[in-house]
Every structure is written in C-alpha cells, then in structure tokens.
N, C-alpha and C. Protein backbone atom coordinates (compact mmCIF):
# COMPACT_ATOMS: atom_id res chain seq x y z
N MET A 1 124.97 197.44 119.53
CA MET A 1 123.84 196.51 119.27
C MET A 1 122.91 197.29 118.29
N ARG A 2 122.40 196.54 117.34
CA ARG A 2 121.47 197.12 116.38
C ARG A 2 120.20 196.23 116.33
N VAL A 3 119.07 196.90 116.29
CA VAL A 3 117.80 196.18 116.24
C VAL A 3 116.97 196.71 115.14
N ALA A 4 116.33 195.86 114.39
CA ALA A 4 115.54 196.25 113.21
C ALA A 4 114.06 196.17 113.57
N ILE A 5 113.30 197.05 112.97
CA ILE A 5 111.89 197.15 113.11
C ILE A 5 111.26 197.69 111.79
N SER A 6 110.09 197.19 111.42
CA SER A 6 109.53 197.73 110.15
C SER A 6 108.89 199.13 110.43
N ARG A 7 108.79 199.80 109.36
CA ARG A 7 108.15 201.15 109.40
C ARG A 7 106.74 201.07 109.93
N GLU A 8 105.99 200.03 109.47
CA GLU A 8 104.59 199.84 109.88
C GLU A 8 104.54 199.66 111.45
N LEU A 9 105.45 198.90 112.01
CA LEU A 9 105.37 198.67 113.48
C LEU A 9 105.79 199.94 114.23
N ILE A 10 106.83 200.65 113.83
CA ILE A 10 107.18 201.84 114.54
C ILE A 10 106.06 202.87 114.39
N ASP A 11 105.39 202.96 113.28
CA ASP A 11 104.24 203.89 113.12
C ASP A 11 103.15 203.48 114.04
N ARG A 12 102.91 202.19 114.25
CA ARG A 12 101.83 201.70 115.14
C ARG A 12 102.14 202.12 116.58
N VAL A 13 103.36 202.02 117.01
CA VAL A 13 103.77 202.44 118.35
C VAL A 13 103.62 203.99 118.49
N LEU A 14 104.03 204.72 117.51
CA LEU A 14 103.94 206.14 117.57
C LEU A 14 102.42 206.60 117.64
N ALA A 15 101.54 205.88 116.91
CA ALA A 15 100.13 206.16 116.91
C ALA A 15 99.50 205.85 118.27
N ASP A 16 99.95 204.70 118.84
CA ASP A 16 99.44 204.32 120.14
C ASP A 16 99.77 205.36 121.17
N ALA A 17 101.01 205.90 121.19
CA ALA A 17 101.46 206.92 122.12
C ALA A 17 100.60 208.22 121.89
N ALA A 18 100.38 208.55 120.66
CA ALA A 18 99.65 209.81 120.35
C ALA A 18 98.20 209.68 120.72
N SER A 19 97.65 208.41 120.81
CA SER A 19 96.24 208.28 121.15
C SER A 19 95.87 208.72 122.60
N ASP A 20 96.84 208.81 123.53
CA ASP A 20 96.57 209.31 124.84
C ASP A 20 97.81 210.01 125.34
N PRO A 21 97.90 211.32 124.87
CA PRO A 21 99.16 212.08 125.19
C PRO A 21 99.29 212.50 126.66
N LEU A 22 98.28 212.30 127.44
CA LEU A 22 98.33 212.70 128.87
C LEU A 22 98.73 211.59 129.83
N ARG A 23 98.90 210.40 129.31
CA ARG A 23 99.23 209.28 130.17
C ARG A 23 100.19 208.36 129.37
N GLU A 24 100.96 207.59 130.14
CA GLU A 24 101.86 206.69 129.51
C GLU A 24 101.10 205.51 128.91
N VAL A 25 101.35 205.16 127.68
CA VAL A 25 100.79 204.02 127.05
C VAL A 25 101.92 203.00 126.95
N CYS A 26 101.60 201.70 126.88
CA CYS A 26 102.66 200.73 126.93
C CYS A 26 102.26 199.47 126.10
N GLY A 27 103.25 198.64 125.81
CA GLY A 27 103.01 197.43 125.10
C GLY A 27 104.29 196.55 125.08
N LEU A 28 104.14 195.42 124.45
CA LEU A 28 105.17 194.41 124.43
C LEU A 28 105.88 194.43 123.07
N LEU A 29 107.18 194.12 123.14
CA LEU A 29 107.97 193.90 121.86
C LEU A 29 108.31 192.44 121.76
N LEU A 30 107.84 191.82 120.66
CA LEU A 30 108.13 190.42 120.41
C LEU A 30 109.01 190.30 119.15
N GLY A 31 109.91 189.37 119.09
CA GLY A 31 110.76 189.27 117.95
C GLY A 31 111.70 188.09 118.01
N ALA A 32 112.70 188.24 117.22
CA ALA A 32 113.74 187.25 117.12
C ALA A 32 115.06 187.90 117.33
N SER A 33 116.03 187.11 117.83
CA SER A 33 117.35 187.72 118.00
C SER A 33 118.38 186.70 117.58
N ASP A 34 119.63 187.22 117.38
CA ASP A 34 120.73 186.42 117.01
C ASP A 34 121.84 186.60 117.97
N PHE A 35 121.64 186.02 119.19
CA PHE A 35 122.57 186.19 120.32
C PHE A 35 123.29 184.89 120.55
N GLY A 36 123.44 184.07 119.60
CA GLY A 36 124.16 182.83 119.82
C GLY A 36 123.61 181.98 120.97
N ALA A 37 124.46 181.44 121.80
CA ALA A 37 124.05 180.51 122.82
C ALA A 37 123.19 181.15 123.92
N ALA A 38 123.18 182.46 124.03
CA ALA A 38 122.41 183.20 125.07
C ALA A 38 120.91 183.00 124.82
N VAL A 39 120.48 182.63 123.65
CA VAL A 39 119.04 182.50 123.32
C VAL A 39 118.81 181.06 123.02
N PRO A 40 117.81 180.41 123.73
CA PRO A 40 117.49 179.07 123.37
C PRO A 40 116.82 178.99 122.01
N SER A 41 117.06 177.88 121.34
CA SER A 41 116.50 177.72 120.02
C SER A 41 114.99 177.60 120.12
N LYS A 42 114.32 178.08 119.13
CA LYS A 42 112.84 178.11 119.05
C LYS A 42 112.37 176.70 118.67
N PRO A 43 111.32 176.16 119.38
CA PRO A 43 110.70 174.91 118.99
C PRO A 43 110.21 174.95 117.52
N ALA A 44 110.12 173.84 116.95
CA ALA A 44 109.70 173.76 115.47
C ALA A 44 108.21 174.18 115.39
N ARG A 45 107.36 173.85 116.37
CA ARG A 45 105.96 174.21 116.28
C ARG A 45 105.80 175.69 116.37
N SER A 46 104.89 176.30 115.64
CA SER A 46 104.70 177.70 115.59
C SER A 46 103.32 178.09 116.23
N ALA A 47 103.36 179.20 117.00
CA ALA A 47 102.14 179.76 117.55
C ALA A 47 102.27 181.21 117.51
N SER A 48 101.18 181.89 117.67
CA SER A 48 101.25 183.38 117.65
C SER A 48 100.31 183.89 118.68
N VAL A 49 100.63 185.15 119.09
CA VAL A 49 99.79 185.91 120.04
C VAL A 49 98.99 186.85 119.17
N HIS A 50 97.70 186.91 119.34
CA HIS A 50 96.87 187.85 118.57
C HIS A 50 96.60 189.04 119.46
N PRO A 51 96.73 190.25 118.91
CA PRO A 51 96.54 191.45 119.73
C PRO A 51 95.22 191.46 120.46
N ALA A 52 94.14 190.95 119.78
CA ALA A 52 92.82 190.97 120.45
C ALA A 52 92.81 190.11 121.70
N SER A 53 93.60 189.10 121.74
CA SER A 53 93.63 188.21 122.93
C SER A 53 94.50 188.77 124.03
N VAL A 54 95.32 189.79 123.68
CA VAL A 54 96.24 190.28 124.64
C VAL A 54 95.78 191.63 125.20
N ARG A 55 94.93 192.35 124.61
CA ARG A 55 94.48 193.67 125.06
C ARG A 55 93.20 193.47 125.87
N PRO A 56 93.34 193.25 127.21
CA PRO A 56 92.14 193.11 128.05
C PRO A 56 91.44 194.36 128.29
N GLU A 57 90.24 194.32 128.88
CA GLU A 57 89.50 195.56 129.12
C GLU A 57 90.33 196.44 130.06
N ARG A 58 90.15 197.77 129.84
CA ARG A 58 90.85 198.70 130.72
C ARG A 58 90.26 198.57 132.12
N ARG A 59 91.19 198.50 133.11
CA ARG A 59 90.70 198.45 134.48
C ARG A 59 91.66 199.24 135.35
N ARG A 60 91.21 199.69 136.52
CA ARG A 60 92.00 200.50 137.45
C ARG A 60 92.51 199.59 138.55
N GLY A 61 93.77 199.74 138.89
CA GLY A 61 94.40 198.98 140.03
C GLY A 61 94.65 197.53 139.65
N THR A 62 95.57 196.94 140.35
CA THR A 62 95.89 195.59 140.18
C THR A 62 96.64 195.11 141.43
N PRO A 63 96.53 193.79 141.78
CA PRO A 63 97.22 193.36 142.94
C PRO A 63 98.72 193.20 142.70
N SER A 64 99.15 193.16 141.44
CA SER A 64 100.59 193.02 141.13
C SER A 64 101.26 194.39 141.14
N SER A 65 102.56 194.37 141.23
CA SER A 65 103.28 195.68 141.19
C SER A 65 104.20 195.63 139.98
N ALA A 66 104.70 196.82 139.55
CA ALA A 66 105.61 196.84 138.48
C ALA A 66 106.83 195.96 138.72
N ALA A 67 107.31 195.98 139.96
CA ALA A 67 108.53 195.19 140.28
C ALA A 67 108.17 193.68 140.13
N GLU A 68 106.96 193.25 140.56
CA GLU A 68 106.59 191.85 140.42
C GLU A 68 106.46 191.49 138.93
N THR A 69 105.87 192.33 138.18
CA THR A 69 105.77 192.09 136.73
C THR A 69 107.15 191.95 136.11
N ALA A 70 108.07 192.83 136.46
CA ALA A 70 109.43 192.77 135.93
C ALA A 70 110.12 191.47 136.39
N ARG A 71 109.91 191.11 137.64
CA ARG A 71 110.55 189.91 138.16
C ARG A 71 110.01 188.68 137.43
N ILE A 72 108.73 188.60 137.19
CA ILE A 72 108.13 187.47 136.55
C ILE A 72 108.67 187.34 135.10
N SER A 73 108.88 188.47 134.39
CA SER A 73 109.36 188.43 133.04
C SER A 73 110.86 188.41 132.95
N ALA A 74 111.58 188.42 134.07
CA ALA A 74 113.03 188.48 134.03
C ALA A 74 113.58 187.15 133.64
N ARG A 75 114.20 187.12 132.45
CA ARG A 75 114.89 185.93 131.94
C ARG A 75 116.08 186.40 131.20
N PRO A 76 117.02 185.58 130.91
CA PRO A 76 118.13 186.09 130.15
C PRO A 76 117.74 186.71 128.85
N GLY A 77 118.20 187.89 128.62
CA GLY A 77 117.84 188.57 127.42
C GLY A 77 119.05 188.76 126.51
N PRO A 78 118.93 189.58 125.56
CA PRO A 78 120.05 189.82 124.62
C PRO A 78 121.25 190.36 125.39
N SER A 79 122.40 189.99 125.03
CA SER A 79 123.61 190.53 125.68
C SER A 79 124.39 191.40 124.72
N THR A 80 124.69 192.61 125.19
CA THR A 80 125.41 193.55 124.31
C THR A 80 126.84 192.94 123.98
N ALA A 81 127.32 192.13 124.84
CA ALA A 81 128.62 191.55 124.60
C ALA A 81 128.60 190.63 123.41
N LEU A 82 127.41 190.12 123.07
CA LEU A 82 127.32 189.23 121.90
C LEU A 82 126.88 190.00 120.64
N GLY A 83 126.80 191.30 120.75
CA GLY A 83 126.27 192.08 119.69
C GLY A 83 127.15 192.29 118.45
N ALA A 84 128.40 191.91 118.54
CA ALA A 84 129.31 192.09 117.42
C ALA A 84 128.94 191.03 116.36
N ASN A 85 128.26 191.51 115.28
CA ASN A 85 127.74 190.63 114.33
C ASN A 85 128.01 191.25 112.96
N GLY A 86 129.17 191.74 112.69
CA GLY A 86 129.55 192.31 111.41
C GLY A 86 128.65 193.48 111.00
N GLY A 87 128.17 194.20 111.91
CA GLY A 87 127.35 195.38 111.64
C GLY A 87 125.89 195.06 111.35
N ARG A 88 125.55 193.78 111.31
CA ARG A 88 124.17 193.38 111.08
C ARG A 88 123.35 193.51 112.29
N ALA A 89 122.04 193.64 112.13
CA ALA A 89 121.15 193.68 113.24
C ALA A 89 121.19 192.39 114.02
N VAL A 90 121.24 192.44 115.33
CA VAL A 90 121.25 191.25 116.11
C VAL A 90 119.88 190.86 116.69
N ALA A 91 118.91 191.75 116.44
CA ALA A 91 117.53 191.40 116.87
C ALA A 91 116.57 192.04 115.87
N ARG A 92 115.38 191.47 115.80
CA ARG A 92 114.34 192.05 114.97
C ARG A 92 113.05 192.01 115.75
N ILE A 93 112.44 193.29 115.81
CA ILE A 93 111.11 193.36 116.48
C ILE A 93 110.17 193.01 115.40
N ALA A 94 109.47 191.89 115.65
CA ALA A 94 108.53 191.37 114.63
C ALA A 94 107.10 191.73 114.95
N THR A 95 106.75 191.91 116.19
CA THR A 95 105.43 192.25 116.60
C THR A 95 105.44 193.27 117.73
N VAL A 96 104.51 194.17 117.76
CA VAL A 96 104.26 195.07 118.87
C VAL A 96 102.80 194.83 119.30
N LEU A 97 102.59 194.65 120.60
CA LEU A 97 101.31 194.37 121.14
C LEU A 97 100.91 195.44 122.19
N SER A 98 99.95 196.31 121.85
CA SER A 98 99.52 197.33 122.77
C SER A 98 98.85 196.61 123.95
N THR A 99 99.18 197.05 125.11
CA THR A 99 98.58 196.49 126.35
C THR A 99 97.99 197.64 127.20
N THR A 100 97.22 197.26 128.15
CA THR A 100 96.67 198.26 129.12
C THR A 100 97.67 198.67 130.11
N ASN A 101 97.80 199.95 130.39
CA ASN A 101 98.62 200.41 131.47
C ASN A 101 97.80 200.33 132.78
N VAL A 102 98.23 199.42 133.64
CA VAL A 102 97.53 199.27 134.91
C VAL A 102 98.10 199.96 136.06
N ALA A 103 99.03 200.84 135.80
CA ALA A 103 99.71 201.60 136.90
C ALA A 103 98.70 202.41 137.65
N ALA A 104 98.98 202.61 138.95
CA ALA A 104 98.05 203.43 139.75
C ALA A 104 98.07 204.88 139.29
N HIS A 105 99.23 205.33 138.79
CA HIS A 105 99.36 206.78 138.30
C HIS A 105 99.86 206.74 136.84
N PRO A 106 99.01 206.48 135.90
CA PRO A 106 99.44 206.32 134.50
C PRO A 106 99.94 207.63 133.88
N ALA A 107 99.69 208.77 134.50
CA ALA A 107 100.18 210.03 133.89
C ALA A 107 101.74 210.08 133.92
N ASP A 108 102.38 209.38 134.86
CA ASP A 108 103.81 209.43 134.97
C ASP A 108 104.46 208.06 135.22
N SER A 109 103.74 206.99 135.07
CA SER A 109 104.35 205.70 135.22
C SER A 109 103.54 204.64 134.40
N PHE A 110 104.13 203.46 134.27
CA PHE A 110 103.44 202.44 133.49
C PHE A 110 103.66 201.09 134.13
N GLU A 111 102.69 200.26 133.99
CA GLU A 111 102.80 198.83 134.39
C GLU A 111 102.01 197.99 133.32
N ILE A 112 102.72 197.12 132.70
CA ILE A 112 102.06 196.28 131.69
C ILE A 112 101.17 195.31 132.35
N ASP A 113 99.97 195.20 131.83
CA ASP A 113 98.95 194.30 132.35
C ASP A 113 99.54 192.89 132.45
N PRO A 114 99.54 192.32 133.67
CA PRO A 114 100.12 190.92 133.80
C PRO A 114 99.46 189.94 132.93
N ALA A 115 98.14 190.05 132.61
CA ALA A 115 97.46 189.08 131.70
C ALA A 115 98.07 189.12 130.34
N ALA A 116 98.43 190.27 129.84
CA ALA A 116 99.09 190.42 128.52
C ALA A 116 100.50 189.82 128.57
N LEU A 117 101.20 190.12 129.65
CA LEU A 117 102.57 189.59 129.79
C LEU A 117 102.57 188.07 129.81
N PHE A 118 101.70 187.49 130.62
CA PHE A 118 101.57 186.00 130.71
C PHE A 118 101.17 185.38 129.39
N ALA A 119 100.26 186.02 128.58
CA ALA A 119 99.83 185.53 127.33
C ALA A 119 101.03 185.49 126.36
N ALA A 120 101.88 186.48 126.41
CA ALA A 120 103.04 186.54 125.52
C ALA A 120 104.01 185.48 125.92
N LEU A 121 104.23 185.27 127.23
CA LEU A 121 105.20 184.27 127.72
C LEU A 121 104.71 182.81 127.36
N ARG A 122 103.38 182.63 127.50
CA ARG A 122 102.81 181.30 127.08
C ARG A 122 102.98 181.03 125.62
N ALA A 123 102.76 182.06 124.82
CA ALA A 123 102.90 181.89 123.40
C ALA A 123 104.41 181.63 123.01
N GLU A 124 105.29 182.30 123.70
CA GLU A 124 106.73 182.06 123.48
C GLU A 124 107.09 180.63 123.71
N ARG A 125 106.58 180.08 124.87
CA ARG A 125 106.90 178.72 125.25
C ARG A 125 106.41 177.69 124.27
N THR A 126 105.32 178.02 123.45
CA THR A 126 104.86 177.12 122.45
C THR A 126 105.33 177.44 121.07
N GLY A 127 106.40 178.19 120.97
CA GLY A 127 107.00 178.45 119.68
C GLY A 127 106.73 179.83 119.09
N GLY A 128 106.05 180.72 119.74
CA GLY A 128 105.78 182.02 119.25
C GLY A 128 107.04 182.90 119.32
N ASP A 129 106.89 184.10 118.86
CA ASP A 129 107.96 185.05 118.94
C ASP A 129 108.41 185.28 120.40
N ARG A 130 109.65 185.52 120.60
CA ARG A 130 110.25 185.75 121.89
C ARG A 130 109.90 187.12 122.39
N LEU A 131 109.65 187.24 123.71
CA LEU A 131 109.46 188.49 124.37
C LEU A 131 110.84 189.12 124.56
N ILE A 132 111.10 190.21 123.80
CA ILE A 132 112.48 190.84 123.86
C ILE A 132 112.44 192.22 124.57
N GLY A 133 111.24 192.72 124.86
CA GLY A 133 111.18 193.97 125.52
C GLY A 133 109.85 194.53 125.55
N HIS A 134 109.76 195.85 125.73
CA HIS A 134 108.45 196.52 125.78
C HIS A 134 108.65 197.98 125.35
N TYR A 135 107.54 198.64 125.13
CA TYR A 135 107.55 200.01 124.85
C TYR A 135 106.63 200.82 125.77
N HIS A 136 106.97 202.08 125.96
CA HIS A 136 106.07 202.92 126.66
C HIS A 136 106.34 204.39 126.26
N SER A 137 105.35 205.25 126.52
CA SER A 137 105.50 206.65 126.18
C SER A 137 105.85 207.49 127.35
N HIS A 138 106.41 208.62 127.09
CA HIS A 138 106.74 209.65 128.12
C HIS A 138 105.98 210.91 127.75
N PRO A 139 104.83 211.20 128.38
CA PRO A 139 104.08 212.43 128.09
C PRO A 139 104.97 213.67 128.36
N ASN A 140 106.04 213.63 129.07
CA ASN A 140 106.89 214.81 129.32
C ASN A 140 107.72 215.18 128.11
N GLY A 141 107.65 214.40 127.05
CA GLY A 141 108.33 214.81 125.80
C GLY A 141 109.79 214.32 125.67
N LEU A 142 110.30 213.51 126.64
CA LEU A 142 111.69 213.08 126.60
C LEU A 142 111.74 211.56 126.34
N ALA A 143 112.37 211.16 125.24
CA ALA A 143 112.37 209.76 124.86
C ALA A 143 113.70 209.09 125.45
N THR A 144 114.02 209.52 126.61
CA THR A 144 115.11 208.91 127.37
C THR A 144 114.57 208.31 128.66
N PRO A 145 115.27 207.21 129.15
CA PRO A 145 114.85 206.59 130.40
C PRO A 145 114.81 207.56 131.55
N SER A 146 113.79 207.45 132.34
CA SER A 146 113.72 208.32 133.55
C SER A 146 114.30 207.56 134.76
N ALA A 147 114.36 208.29 135.87
CA ALA A 147 114.84 207.64 137.12
C ALA A 147 113.89 206.51 137.50
N ARG A 148 112.60 206.70 137.32
CA ARG A 148 111.63 205.65 137.66
C ARG A 148 111.89 204.44 136.75
N ASP A 149 112.19 204.68 135.44
CA ASP A 149 112.47 203.54 134.59
C ASP A 149 113.65 202.81 135.13
N ALA A 150 114.67 203.53 135.56
CA ALA A 150 115.92 202.86 136.04
C ALA A 150 115.59 201.93 137.24
N LEU A 151 114.68 202.36 138.10
CA LEU A 151 114.24 201.56 139.24
C LEU A 151 113.55 200.27 138.79
N MET A 152 112.91 200.31 137.63
CA MET A 152 112.22 199.16 137.11
C MET A 152 113.11 198.23 136.23
N ALA A 153 114.32 198.65 135.98
CA ALA A 153 115.27 197.89 135.13
C ALA A 153 115.89 196.74 135.94
N THR A 154 115.23 195.57 135.79
CA THR A 154 115.67 194.39 136.56
C THR A 154 116.01 193.19 135.61
N SER A 155 115.97 193.42 134.31
CA SER A 155 116.23 192.33 133.36
C SER A 155 117.36 192.73 132.39
N PRO A 156 118.63 192.58 132.76
CA PRO A 156 119.69 192.99 131.82
C PRO A 156 119.46 192.38 130.43
N GLY A 157 119.61 193.24 129.40
CA GLY A 157 119.44 192.81 128.03
C GLY A 157 118.02 193.06 127.48
N ARG A 158 117.10 193.34 128.30
CA ARG A 158 115.73 193.62 127.90
C ARG A 158 115.75 194.99 127.13
N LEU A 159 114.96 195.08 125.99
CA LEU A 159 114.89 196.26 125.21
C LEU A 159 113.69 197.15 125.70
N TRP A 160 113.98 198.42 125.73
CA TRP A 160 112.94 199.42 126.10
C TRP A 160 112.87 200.45 124.97
N LEU A 161 111.73 200.42 124.32
CA LEU A 161 111.47 201.48 123.26
C LEU A 161 110.65 202.58 123.91
N ILE A 162 111.18 203.70 124.01
CA ILE A 162 110.55 204.89 124.62
C ILE A 162 110.17 205.90 123.60
N VAL A 163 108.90 206.32 123.62
CA VAL A 163 108.27 207.19 122.65
C VAL A 163 107.88 208.51 123.33
N ALA A 164 108.25 209.60 122.70
CA ALA A 164 107.85 210.95 123.24
C ALA A 164 107.91 211.92 122.10
N ALA A 165 107.00 212.81 122.07
CA ALA A 165 106.94 213.90 121.09
C ALA A 165 107.10 213.45 119.67
N GLY A 166 106.51 212.31 119.31
CA GLY A 166 106.58 211.79 117.91
C GLY A 166 107.91 211.15 117.57
N ALA A 167 108.74 210.89 118.54
CA ALA A 167 110.04 210.29 118.28
C ALA A 167 110.12 208.93 119.13
N ALA A 168 110.91 208.03 118.66
CA ALA A 168 111.08 206.76 119.32
C ALA A 168 112.61 206.47 119.45
N ARG A 169 113.02 206.11 120.67
CA ARG A 169 114.38 205.75 120.91
C ARG A 169 114.44 204.40 121.60
N LEU A 170 115.42 203.64 121.25
CA LEU A 170 115.53 202.23 121.75
C LEU A 170 116.72 202.17 122.79
N TRP A 171 116.46 201.53 123.86
CA TRP A 171 117.47 201.32 124.96
C TRP A 171 117.55 199.86 125.35
N CYS A 172 118.72 199.48 125.87
CA CYS A 172 118.87 198.16 126.37
C CYS A 172 119.23 198.29 127.87
N GLU A 173 118.56 197.50 128.69
CA GLU A 173 118.89 197.45 130.10
C GLU A 173 120.31 196.94 130.21
N THR A 174 121.16 197.79 130.85
CA THR A 174 122.61 197.48 130.99
C THR A 174 123.04 197.97 132.38
N PRO A 175 123.33 197.00 133.27
CA PRO A 175 123.78 197.47 134.55
C PRO A 175 125.02 198.36 134.45
N GLY A 176 124.95 199.53 135.17
CA GLY A 176 126.00 200.51 135.07
C GLY A 176 126.03 201.28 133.75
N GLY A 177 124.94 201.15 132.99
CA GLY A 177 124.82 201.87 131.64
C GLY A 177 125.03 203.41 131.80
N ALA A 178 125.26 204.03 130.66
CA ALA A 178 125.58 205.47 130.60
C ALA A 178 124.35 206.32 130.96
N VAL A 179 123.12 205.81 130.82
CA VAL A 179 121.99 206.61 131.09
C VAL A 179 121.26 206.03 132.32
N GLN A 180 121.11 206.86 133.33
CA GLN A 180 120.54 206.50 134.63
C GLN A 180 121.20 205.37 135.30
N GLY A 181 122.40 205.03 134.88
CA GLY A 181 123.12 203.93 135.50
C GLY A 181 122.54 202.56 135.18
N ALA A 182 121.61 202.51 134.18
CA ALA A 182 120.84 201.26 133.93
C ALA A 182 120.59 201.01 132.46
N PHE A 183 120.90 201.92 131.54
CA PHE A 183 120.52 201.80 130.16
C PHE A 183 121.67 202.21 129.20
N ALA A 184 121.72 201.54 128.04
CA ALA A 184 122.62 201.92 126.99
C ALA A 184 121.79 202.14 125.72
N PRO A 185 122.20 203.09 124.91
CA PRO A 185 121.38 203.36 123.70
C PRO A 185 121.56 202.20 122.68
N VAL A 186 120.55 201.96 121.91
CA VAL A 186 120.63 200.88 120.84
C VAL A 186 120.27 201.56 119.53
N GLU A 187 120.99 201.16 118.53
CA GLU A 187 120.67 201.68 117.19
C GLU A 187 119.44 200.95 116.68
N LEU A 188 118.44 201.73 116.28
CA LEU A 188 117.17 201.27 115.77
C LEU A 188 117.18 201.36 114.25
N LEU A 189 117.10 200.26 113.57
CA LEU A 189 117.08 200.29 112.10
C LEU A 189 115.66 200.17 111.64
N ILE A 190 115.11 201.24 111.00
CA ILE A 190 113.80 201.23 110.47
C ILE A 190 113.79 200.45 109.19
N ASN A 191 112.94 199.44 109.04
CA ASN A 191 112.82 198.50 107.95
C ASN A 191 113.87 197.42 108.13
N GLY A 192 115.08 197.68 108.13
CA GLY A 192 116.12 196.70 108.45
C GLY A 192 116.42 195.75 107.30
N ALA A 193 115.83 196.00 106.10
CA ALA A 193 115.95 195.07 104.98
C ALA A 193 117.47 194.94 104.63
N GLU A 194 118.21 195.99 104.76
CA GLU A 194 119.64 195.93 104.35
C GLU A 194 120.43 195.03 105.32
N ASP A 195 119.84 194.71 106.46
CA ASP A 195 120.51 193.87 107.46
C ASP A 195 120.00 192.46 107.52
N GLY A 196 119.15 192.12 106.61
CA GLY A 196 118.58 190.77 106.53
C GLY A 196 117.64 190.44 107.63
N CYS A 197 117.03 191.51 108.27
CA CYS A 197 116.12 191.26 109.44
C CYS A 197 114.68 191.67 109.09
N ALA A 198 114.44 192.12 107.93
CA ALA A 198 113.08 192.51 107.64
C ALA A 198 112.18 191.35 107.22
C-alpha cells in the first residue's frame, strides 16, 4: 500500500510533535482513497472541517476512553488487499488536524479529543474529506507502534502516522500484522505528484 502526503502537511505534523517533546501530541488524518467498492462514494456537496473549529481548549480528563473513541470511529477503512493499483498511491492525506490529547497520562499515551473526532465524522457525512487515520508522536524516539498502540488498534485499515525524533513512519492497522501483531508498514510518498495524488 502506498499513501501520498504533501511536504507541507508532513512538515506540519513534525512541527506539532516538536512543539511538545515530553508528551504525545495527536491529530487526525483526512483524505481520499482509491479502494474500489470498500469506500462509499463521496456526496456531490462539499464541506470542510476547519482546524480552528476542531482544536478545542486543552482540558484534563474526559469521560470517554481511548477504546470508546476507537470504537466510535471504527468503520471500514482501506484494505491492503485492494492496494494493488499499478504502483500508484491508493490514498492521499489531504488534511491534518491537530487535536488535543485528552489522555490521562499524555507523556506515554494519547487519546484524540472526542469533540474533534465527531466534528471530522460530521464533516465527512456532509461531503468533506474522509477520516482515514490519525497521527501521534512518541517521545521515546521510536516511530514504530508500541504495545499500547496495538491494544488500541480496533479498526482494520486505519492509518497511523507515528512521529518520533524528527521522523515520520506510516502504518496500517492489520490484524496479525508483522509489527506488534496489529500493524503493517505503509510506503509514504512525500508530495506524491508522480502518483497523481498531489
């Protein structure tokens, strides 16, 4: 599987992670994908999510849990089985939205603010870009999924962009995957113009 992202967006994610190196920062990945019948067609009407409306005030604690957030956002995602597309990118990350990490222990875990998640899902239903994954940082310096990440992997096909030590690596939730039994590496194409996804 190959996923395209612009240099501007990857730089924005890296800057977000660098802004708070002692805690995990997180956000949503919105975009388009070419997964055939696995992805419903987008309505003709267009809407967008604006970062200002998605980044709520920082707050401590939340009644929801990471598992509940993952369950709420669990919908059929990209399928690696449908990724054979002549070497072209099968998804494009069009927007990254920084969100508040509402985890009880943000130094070593993350939880995307449910308000931001629901705003993205509402926008998607009205024709906005599709929620295809999320990003988060690892202050430990390893851009690979952790055991805790594997416990949160409940949406096969969802993309995870993990940032650490100035590097970003993309992963796809894959049951039985080679990493932590839950993830497979994904080729990240910076700019992606050569693949028709920029």
